[in-house]
N, C-alpha and C. Protein backbone atom coordinates (compact mmCIF):
# COMPACT_ATOMS: atom_id res chain seq x y z
N UNK A 1 -44.50 -7.79 -3.28
CA UNK A 1 -43.51 -7.74 -4.54
C UNK A 1 -42.40 -6.71 -3.95
N UNK A 2 -40.98 -7.52 -3.52
CA UNK A 2 -40.14 -6.60 -3.42
C UNK A 2 -38.89 -6.54 -4.77
N UNK A 3 -38.66 -5.33 -4.81
CA UNK A 3 -37.84 -5.02 -6.20
C UNK A 3 -36.69 -4.10 -5.91
N UNK A 4 -35.65 -4.30 -6.11
CA UNK A 4 -34.75 -3.15 -5.82
C UNK A 4 -34.56 -2.25 -7.06
N UNK A 5 -34.57 -0.92 -6.84
CA UNK A 5 -34.25 -0.03 -7.90
C UNK A 5 -32.73 0.88 -7.30
N UNK A 6 -32.12 0.41 -8.51
CA UNK A 6 -30.51 1.54 -8.17
C UNK A 6 -30.58 2.40 -8.88
N UNK A 7 -30.25 3.69 -8.02
CA UNK A 7 -30.22 4.99 -8.63
C UNK A 7 -29.11 5.10 -9.61
N UNK A 8 -28.67 6.17 -10.20
CA UNK A 8 -27.85 6.62 -11.32
C UNK A 8 -26.42 6.32 -10.52
N UNK A 9 -26.09 6.99 -9.43
CA UNK A 9 -24.55 6.27 -8.58
C UNK A 9 -24.54 5.03 -8.17
N UNK A 10 -25.37 4.31 -7.47
CA UNK A 10 -25.48 3.03 -7.52
C UNK A 10 -25.25 1.97 -8.48
N UNK A 11 -25.81 2.44 -9.88
CA UNK A 11 -25.97 1.72 -11.24
C UNK A 11 -24.30 1.68 -11.76
N UNK A 12 -23.92 2.93 -11.60
CA UNK A 12 -22.80 3.11 -12.12
C UNK A 12 -21.60 2.52 -11.25
N UNK A 13 -21.43 2.47 -10.03
CA UNK A 13 -20.43 1.48 -9.30
C UNK A 13 -20.72 0.21 -9.69
N UNK A 14 -22.08 -0.08 -9.45
CA UNK A 14 -22.14 -1.78 -9.96
C UNK A 14 -21.65 -2.11 -11.27
N UNK A 15 -21.89 -1.06 -12.02
CA UNK A 15 -21.64 -1.44 -13.63
C UNK A 15 -19.70 -1.48 -13.40
N UNK A 16 -19.08 -0.74 -12.50
CA UNK A 16 -17.82 -0.70 -12.79
C UNK A 16 -17.22 -1.82 -11.71
N UNK A 17 -18.06 -2.13 -10.86
CA UNK A 17 -17.22 -3.52 -10.09
C UNK A 17 -17.58 -4.77 -11.04
N UNK A 18 -18.87 -4.75 -11.79
CA UNK A 18 -18.86 -6.02 -12.69
C UNK A 18 -18.09 -6.15 -13.70
N UNK A 19 -17.77 -4.93 -14.12
CA UNK A 19 -16.79 -4.78 -15.29
C UNK A 19 -15.02 -5.09 -14.72
N UNK A 20 -14.81 -4.67 -13.89
CA UNK A 20 -13.26 -4.41 -13.43
C UNK A 20 -13.33 -5.63 -12.53
N UNK A 21 -13.97 -5.76 -11.81
CA UNK A 21 -13.77 -7.19 -10.69
C UNK A 21 -13.04 -8.17 -11.27
N UNK A 22 -13.46 -9.00 -12.29
CA UNK A 22 -13.22 -10.13 -12.86
C UNK A 22 -11.68 -9.78 -13.83
N UNK A 23 -11.29 -8.78 -13.86
CA UNK A 23 -9.83 -8.57 -14.49
C UNK A 23 -9.10 -7.96 -13.79
N UNK A 24 -9.40 -7.41 -12.47
CA UNK A 24 -8.20 -7.05 -11.45
C UNK A 24 -7.23 -8.13 -11.11
N UNK A 25 -7.41 -9.31 -10.81
CA UNK A 25 -6.58 -10.30 -10.29
C UNK A 25 -5.38 -10.69 -11.73
N UNK A 26 -6.27 -10.46 -12.73
CA UNK A 26 -5.39 -10.99 -14.23
C UNK A 26 -4.50 -10.08 -14.27
N UNK A 27 -5.08 -8.65 -14.09
CA UNK A 27 -4.19 -7.59 -14.40
C UNK A 27 -2.96 -7.12 -13.63
N UNK A 28 -3.15 -7.77 -12.30
CA UNK A 28 -2.23 -7.63 -11.34
C UNK A 28 -1.39 -8.79 -11.43
N UNK A 29 -1.57 -9.95 -12.06
CA UNK A 29 -0.64 -10.78 -12.31
C UNK A 29 0.41 -10.61 -13.50
N UNK A 30 -0.07 -9.68 -14.40
CA UNK A 30 0.33 -9.78 -15.67
C UNK A 30 1.31 -8.43 -15.65
N UNK A 31 0.98 -7.85 -15.04
CA UNK A 31 1.54 -6.37 -15.05
C UNK A 31 1.98 -5.63 -13.43
N UNK A 32 3.13 -5.51 -13.24
CA UNK A 32 3.56 -4.65 -12.28
C UNK A 32 3.30 -3.35 -11.85
N UNK A 33 2.78 -3.11 -10.53
CA UNK A 33 2.54 -1.55 -10.24
C UNK A 33 3.71 -1.12 -9.41
N UNK A 34 4.48 -0.07 -10.12
CA UNK A 34 5.55 0.47 -9.89
C UNK A 34 5.78 1.98 -9.21
N UNK A 35 6.57 2.24 -8.72
CA UNK A 35 6.58 3.74 -8.30
C UNK A 35 7.22 4.48 -9.37
N UNK A 36 6.70 5.69 -9.61
CA UNK A 36 6.99 6.74 -10.70
C UNK A 36 7.73 7.87 -10.16
N UNK A 37 8.62 8.20 -10.47
CA UNK A 37 9.22 9.61 -10.24
C UNK A 37 10.12 9.87 -11.58
N UNK A 38 9.91 11.30 -12.34
CA UNK A 38 10.98 11.67 -13.04
C UNK A 38 12.24 11.93 -12.59
N UNK A 39 13.39 11.61 -13.57
CA UNK A 39 14.70 12.16 -13.32
C UNK A 39 14.68 13.53 -12.40
N UNK A 40 15.44 13.49 -11.13
CA UNK A 40 15.35 14.60 -10.39
C UNK A 40 16.88 14.44 -9.48
N UNK A 41 17.18 15.60 -8.91
CA UNK A 41 18.19 15.80 -8.13
C UNK A 41 17.88 14.60 -6.66
N UNK A 42 18.77 13.65 -6.32
CA UNK A 42 18.48 12.59 -5.51
C UNK A 42 17.98 13.42 -4.34
N UNK A 43 18.49 14.38 -3.93
CA UNK A 43 18.03 15.27 -2.60
C UNK A 43 16.86 15.60 -2.35
N UNK A 44 16.52 15.52 -3.77
CA UNK A 44 15.00 16.38 -3.69
C UNK A 44 13.76 15.14 -3.62
N UNK A 45 12.80 15.44 -2.84
CA UNK A 45 11.68 14.53 -2.55
C UNK A 45 10.80 14.34 -3.59
N UNK A 46 10.11 13.17 -3.72
CA UNK A 46 9.30 13.28 -4.96
C UNK A 46 7.77 12.46 -4.61
N UNK A 47 6.83 12.99 -4.99
CA UNK A 47 5.42 12.64 -4.68
C UNK A 47 5.08 10.98 -4.83
N UNK A 48 4.70 10.42 -4.43
CA UNK A 48 4.34 8.78 -4.11
C UNK A 48 3.27 8.59 -5.27
N UNK A 49 3.69 8.21 -6.43
CA UNK A 49 2.68 7.79 -7.31
C UNK A 49 3.27 6.52 -7.73
N UNK A 50 2.04 5.68 -8.31
CA UNK A 50 2.37 4.15 -8.91
C UNK A 50 1.56 4.24 -10.24
N UNK A 51 2.19 3.52 -11.21
CA UNK A 51 1.85 2.95 -12.44
C UNK A 51 1.66 1.64 -12.51
N UNK A 52 0.98 1.37 -13.73
CA UNK A 52 1.02 -0.20 -13.97
C UNK A 52 1.84 -0.27 -15.30
N UNK A 53 2.85 -1.16 -15.03
CA UNK A 53 3.88 -1.11 -16.15
C UNK A 53 3.10 -2.02 -17.46
N UNK A 54 3.47 -1.93 -18.61
CA UNK A 54 3.01 -2.61 -20.07
C UNK A 54 3.50 -3.92 -19.71
N UNK A 55 3.09 -5.05 -20.58
CA UNK A 55 3.73 -6.39 -20.63
C UNK A 55 5.19 -6.20 -21.07
N UNK A 56 6.07 -6.97 -20.26
CA UNK A 56 7.57 -7.14 -20.77
C UNK A 56 8.20 -5.98 -19.77
N UNK A 57 7.54 -5.27 -19.14
CA UNK A 57 8.33 -4.39 -18.42
C UNK A 57 8.53 -4.58 -16.96
N UNK A 58 9.77 -3.98 -16.02
CA UNK A 58 9.82 -4.22 -15.01
C UNK A 58 10.00 -2.69 -14.45
N UNK A 59 9.68 -2.92 -12.92
CA UNK A 59 9.90 -1.64 -12.15
C UNK A 59 11.49 -1.33 -12.21
N UNK A 60 11.88 -0.09 -12.19
CA UNK A 60 13.26 0.34 -12.02
C UNK A 60 13.72 1.51 -11.13
N UNK A 61 14.83 1.47 -10.56
CA UNK A 61 15.07 2.63 -9.71
C UNK A 61 16.61 3.08 -10.57
N UNK A 62 16.65 4.18 -11.04
CA UNK A 62 17.74 4.27 -11.97
C UNK A 62 18.45 5.56 -10.76
N UNK A 63 19.66 5.43 -11.37
CA UNK A 63 20.61 6.14 -10.65
C UNK A 63 21.31 7.04 -11.74
N UNK A 64 21.61 8.15 -11.65
CA UNK A 64 22.48 9.18 -12.30
C UNK A 64 23.63 9.47 -11.60
N UNK A 65 24.64 9.21 -12.49
CA UNK A 65 26.21 9.26 -12.01
C UNK A 65 26.68 10.55 -12.67
N UNK A 66 27.79 11.20 -11.86
CA UNK A 66 28.69 12.23 -12.63
C UNK A 66 30.05 11.74 -11.72
N UNK A 67 30.58 11.11 -12.76
CA UNK A 67 31.82 10.21 -12.43
C UNK A 67 31.42 9.27 -11.18
N UNK A 68 32.04 9.33 -10.44
CA UNK A 68 31.75 7.93 -9.22
C UNK A 68 30.35 8.40 -8.27
N UNK A 69 30.09 9.71 -8.44
CA UNK A 69 28.93 10.29 -7.64
C UNK A 69 27.37 10.22 -8.15
N UNK A 70 26.47 9.55 -6.99
CA UNK A 70 25.23 9.58 -7.33
C UNK A 70 24.67 10.82 -7.18
N UNK A 71 24.30 11.39 -8.21
CA UNK A 71 23.38 12.59 -8.09
C UNK A 71 21.83 12.69 -8.55
N UNK A 72 21.54 11.78 -9.13
CA UNK A 72 20.26 11.93 -9.91
C UNK A 72 19.70 10.68 -9.45
N UNK A 73 18.30 10.52 -9.17
CA UNK A 73 17.45 9.33 -9.16
C UNK A 73 16.31 9.48 -10.27
N UNK A 74 15.76 8.50 -10.70
CA UNK A 74 14.20 8.17 -11.11
C UNK A 74 13.80 6.70 -11.06
N UNK A 75 12.40 6.65 -10.87
CA UNK A 75 11.79 5.51 -10.75
C UNK A 75 10.55 5.45 -11.86
N UNK A 76 10.24 4.19 -12.16
CA UNK A 76 9.34 4.02 -13.51
C UNK A 76 9.54 2.43 -13.62
N UNK A 77 8.72 2.48 -15.21
CA UNK A 77 9.01 1.21 -15.71
C UNK A 77 9.62 1.23 -16.66
N UNK A 78 10.44 0.05 -16.97
CA UNK A 78 11.64 -0.06 -18.08
C UNK A 78 11.43 -1.51 -18.61
N UNK A 79 11.59 -1.65 -20.18
CA UNK A 79 11.54 -2.83 -20.88
C UNK A 79 13.13 -3.71 -20.16
N UNK A 80 12.33 -4.71 -19.75
CA UNK A 80 13.03 -6.11 -19.12
C UNK A 80 14.85 -5.91 -19.93
N UNK A 81 14.78 -5.72 -21.07
CA UNK A 81 16.14 -6.13 -21.83
C UNK A 81 16.96 -4.85 -21.52
N UNK A 82 16.64 -4.03 -20.96
CA UNK A 82 17.49 -2.65 -20.31
C UNK A 82 17.74 -2.86 -18.99
N UNK A 83 17.13 -3.74 -18.13
CA UNK A 83 17.48 -3.96 -16.80
C UNK A 83 19.12 -4.09 -16.50
N UNK A 84 19.82 -3.18 -16.10
CA UNK A 84 21.50 -3.44 -15.81
C UNK A 84 22.08 -2.72 -16.50
N UNK A 85 21.38 -1.96 -17.33
CA UNK A 85 22.25 -1.35 -18.27
C UNK A 85 22.60 0.16 -18.15
N UNK A 86 23.26 0.81 -18.81
CA UNK A 86 23.61 2.28 -18.81
C UNK A 86 23.13 3.19 -19.96
N UNK A 87 22.97 4.61 -19.72
CA UNK A 87 23.03 5.20 -20.97
C UNK A 87 23.27 6.50 -20.28
N UNK A 88 23.85 7.38 -21.20
CA UNK A 88 24.12 8.71 -20.89
C UNK A 88 23.01 9.62 -21.04
N UNK A 89 22.90 10.56 -20.43
CA UNK A 89 21.50 11.39 -20.38
C UNK A 89 21.99 12.94 -20.12
N UNK A 90 21.60 13.89 -20.54
CA UNK A 90 21.83 14.95 -20.17
C UNK A 90 20.73 15.74 -19.34
N UNK A 91 20.98 16.21 -18.32
CA UNK A 91 20.03 16.75 -17.20
C UNK A 91 20.56 18.09 -16.76
N UNK A 92 19.87 18.97 -17.13
CA UNK A 92 20.13 20.77 -17.00
C UNK A 92 21.58 21.18 -17.47
N UNK A 93 21.74 20.59 -18.56
CA UNK A 93 23.00 20.90 -19.28
C UNK A 93 24.48 20.31 -19.23
N UNK A 94 24.02 19.06 -18.10
CA UNK A 94 25.26 18.27 -17.68
C UNK A 94 25.10 16.99 -18.25
N UNK A 95 26.04 16.01 -18.62
CA UNK A 95 25.74 14.78 -18.91
C UNK A 95 26.09 13.98 -17.70
N UNK A 96 25.32 12.69 -17.74
CA UNK A 96 25.35 11.82 -16.70
C UNK A 96 25.24 10.36 -17.02
N UNK A 97 25.73 9.44 -16.40
CA UNK A 97 25.51 8.56 -16.85
C UNK A 97 24.44 7.60 -15.81
N UNK A 98 23.46 7.29 -16.75
CA UNK A 98 22.14 6.57 -16.02
C UNK A 98 22.17 5.24 -16.07
N UNK A 99 22.12 4.63 -14.48
CA UNK A 99 22.22 3.13 -14.60
C UNK A 99 20.77 2.72 -14.06
N UNK A 100 20.38 1.29 -14.91
CA UNK A 100 18.99 1.23 -14.65
C UNK A 100 19.14 -0.45 -13.60
N UNK A 101 18.34 0.10 -12.59
CA UNK A 101 18.36 -1.62 -11.62
C UNK A 101 16.82 -1.68 -11.67
N UNK A 102 16.59 -2.89 -12.02
CA UNK A 102 15.35 -3.70 -12.02
C UNK A 102 14.94 -4.54 -10.89
N UNK A 103 13.57 -4.60 -10.62
CA UNK A 103 13.16 -5.45 -9.98
C UNK A 103 11.83 -5.92 -10.35
N UNK A 104 11.46 -7.18 -9.62
CA UNK A 104 9.97 -7.54 -10.28
C UNK A 104 9.04 -7.83 -9.07
N UNK A 105 8.61 -7.00 -8.17
CA UNK A 105 7.64 -7.10 -7.18
C UNK A 105 6.67 -5.70 -7.31
N UNK A 106 5.77 -5.90 -7.07
CA UNK A 106 4.86 -4.35 -7.08
C UNK A 106 5.46 -3.57 -6.19
N UNK A 107 5.47 -2.07 -6.50
CA UNK A 107 6.21 -1.34 -5.86
C UNK A 107 7.43 -1.39 -5.31
N UNK A 108 8.05 -2.08 -5.75
CA UNK A 108 9.57 -2.88 -5.37
C UNK A 108 10.88 -1.72 -5.66
N UNK A 109 10.49 -0.77 -6.40
CA UNK A 109 11.37 0.18 -6.88
C UNK A 109 11.49 1.59 -6.07
N UNK A 110 11.86 1.44 -4.74
CA UNK A 110 11.98 2.78 -3.89
C UNK A 110 12.99 3.64 -4.37
N UNK A 111 13.11 4.68 -3.75
CA UNK A 111 14.32 5.72 -4.42
C UNK A 111 15.51 5.36 -3.38
N UNK A 112 16.43 5.15 -4.60
CA UNK A 112 17.76 4.83 -4.10
C UNK A 112 18.24 5.99 -3.18
N UNK A 113 19.34 5.57 -1.96
CA UNK A 113 19.74 6.45 -1.40
C UNK A 113 21.32 6.58 -1.54
N UNK A 114 21.82 7.96 -1.27
CA UNK A 114 23.15 8.19 -1.41
C UNK A 114 23.55 9.39 -0.70
N UNK A 115 24.75 9.23 -0.19
CA UNK A 115 25.40 10.42 0.81
C UNK A 115 25.75 11.76 0.20
N UNK A 116 26.15 11.39 -1.12
CA UNK A 116 26.40 12.75 -2.10
C UNK A 116 25.00 13.05 -2.40
N UNK A 117 25.65 14.73 -2.41
CA UNK A 117 24.90 15.85 -2.42
C UNK A 117 25.08 16.84 -3.59
N UNK A 118 23.96 17.26 -4.28
CA UNK A 118 24.41 18.44 -5.45
C UNK A 118 25.86 19.39 -5.32
N UNK A 119 25.49 19.57 -3.65
CA UNK A 119 26.41 20.62 -3.53
C UNK A 119 27.78 20.18 -3.61
N UNK A 120 27.94 19.01 -3.20
CA UNK A 120 29.43 18.47 -3.40
C UNK A 120 29.84 17.99 -4.82
N UNK A 121 28.63 17.75 -5.80
CA UNK A 121 28.76 17.74 -7.04
C UNK A 121 29.72 19.15 -7.97
N UNK A 122 28.83 20.33 -7.22
CA UNK A 122 28.91 21.46 -7.84
C UNK A 122 30.33 22.02 -7.32
N UNK A 123 31.01 21.71 -5.92
CA UNK A 123 32.22 21.77 -5.70
C UNK A 123 33.17 20.88 -6.67
N UNK A 124 32.96 19.97 -7.03
CA UNK A 124 33.90 18.75 -7.72
C UNK A 124 34.03 19.65 -9.15
N UNK A 125 33.00 20.29 -9.45
CA UNK A 125 32.93 20.40 -11.21
C UNK A 125 34.08 21.88 -10.89
N UNK A 126 33.77 22.63 -9.98
CA UNK A 126 34.37 24.16 -9.87
C UNK A 126 35.94 23.97 -9.69
N UNK A 127 36.38 22.50 -9.17
CA UNK A 127 37.77 22.08 -9.09
C UNK A 127 38.64 22.22 -10.24
């Protein structure tokens, strides 16, 4: 008589696979996986994290502008109806115009690049 006895770790793993296995393809199709990084100076590196967006959300790479200078960046999920819009935000006591650029693929929201540095911004403010 051959019988297989699963120990606690194997039983837990088997339970997780049985429960999550059928849900994974559905979850991936309905919800985007997006890179996440809170609002930060664009010259700063951000850790590489991803999150699953809620239904109706898109991945966003947001850019914060001081006048015409791109100085802030953020990545994450945003409601689809906010894509392409602008919002005024305050970061470290200074107001910036934040633009939301969206995309619809998993981890499609890479950090935007710009040649403007915070040092250049500070020089403009002091003039």
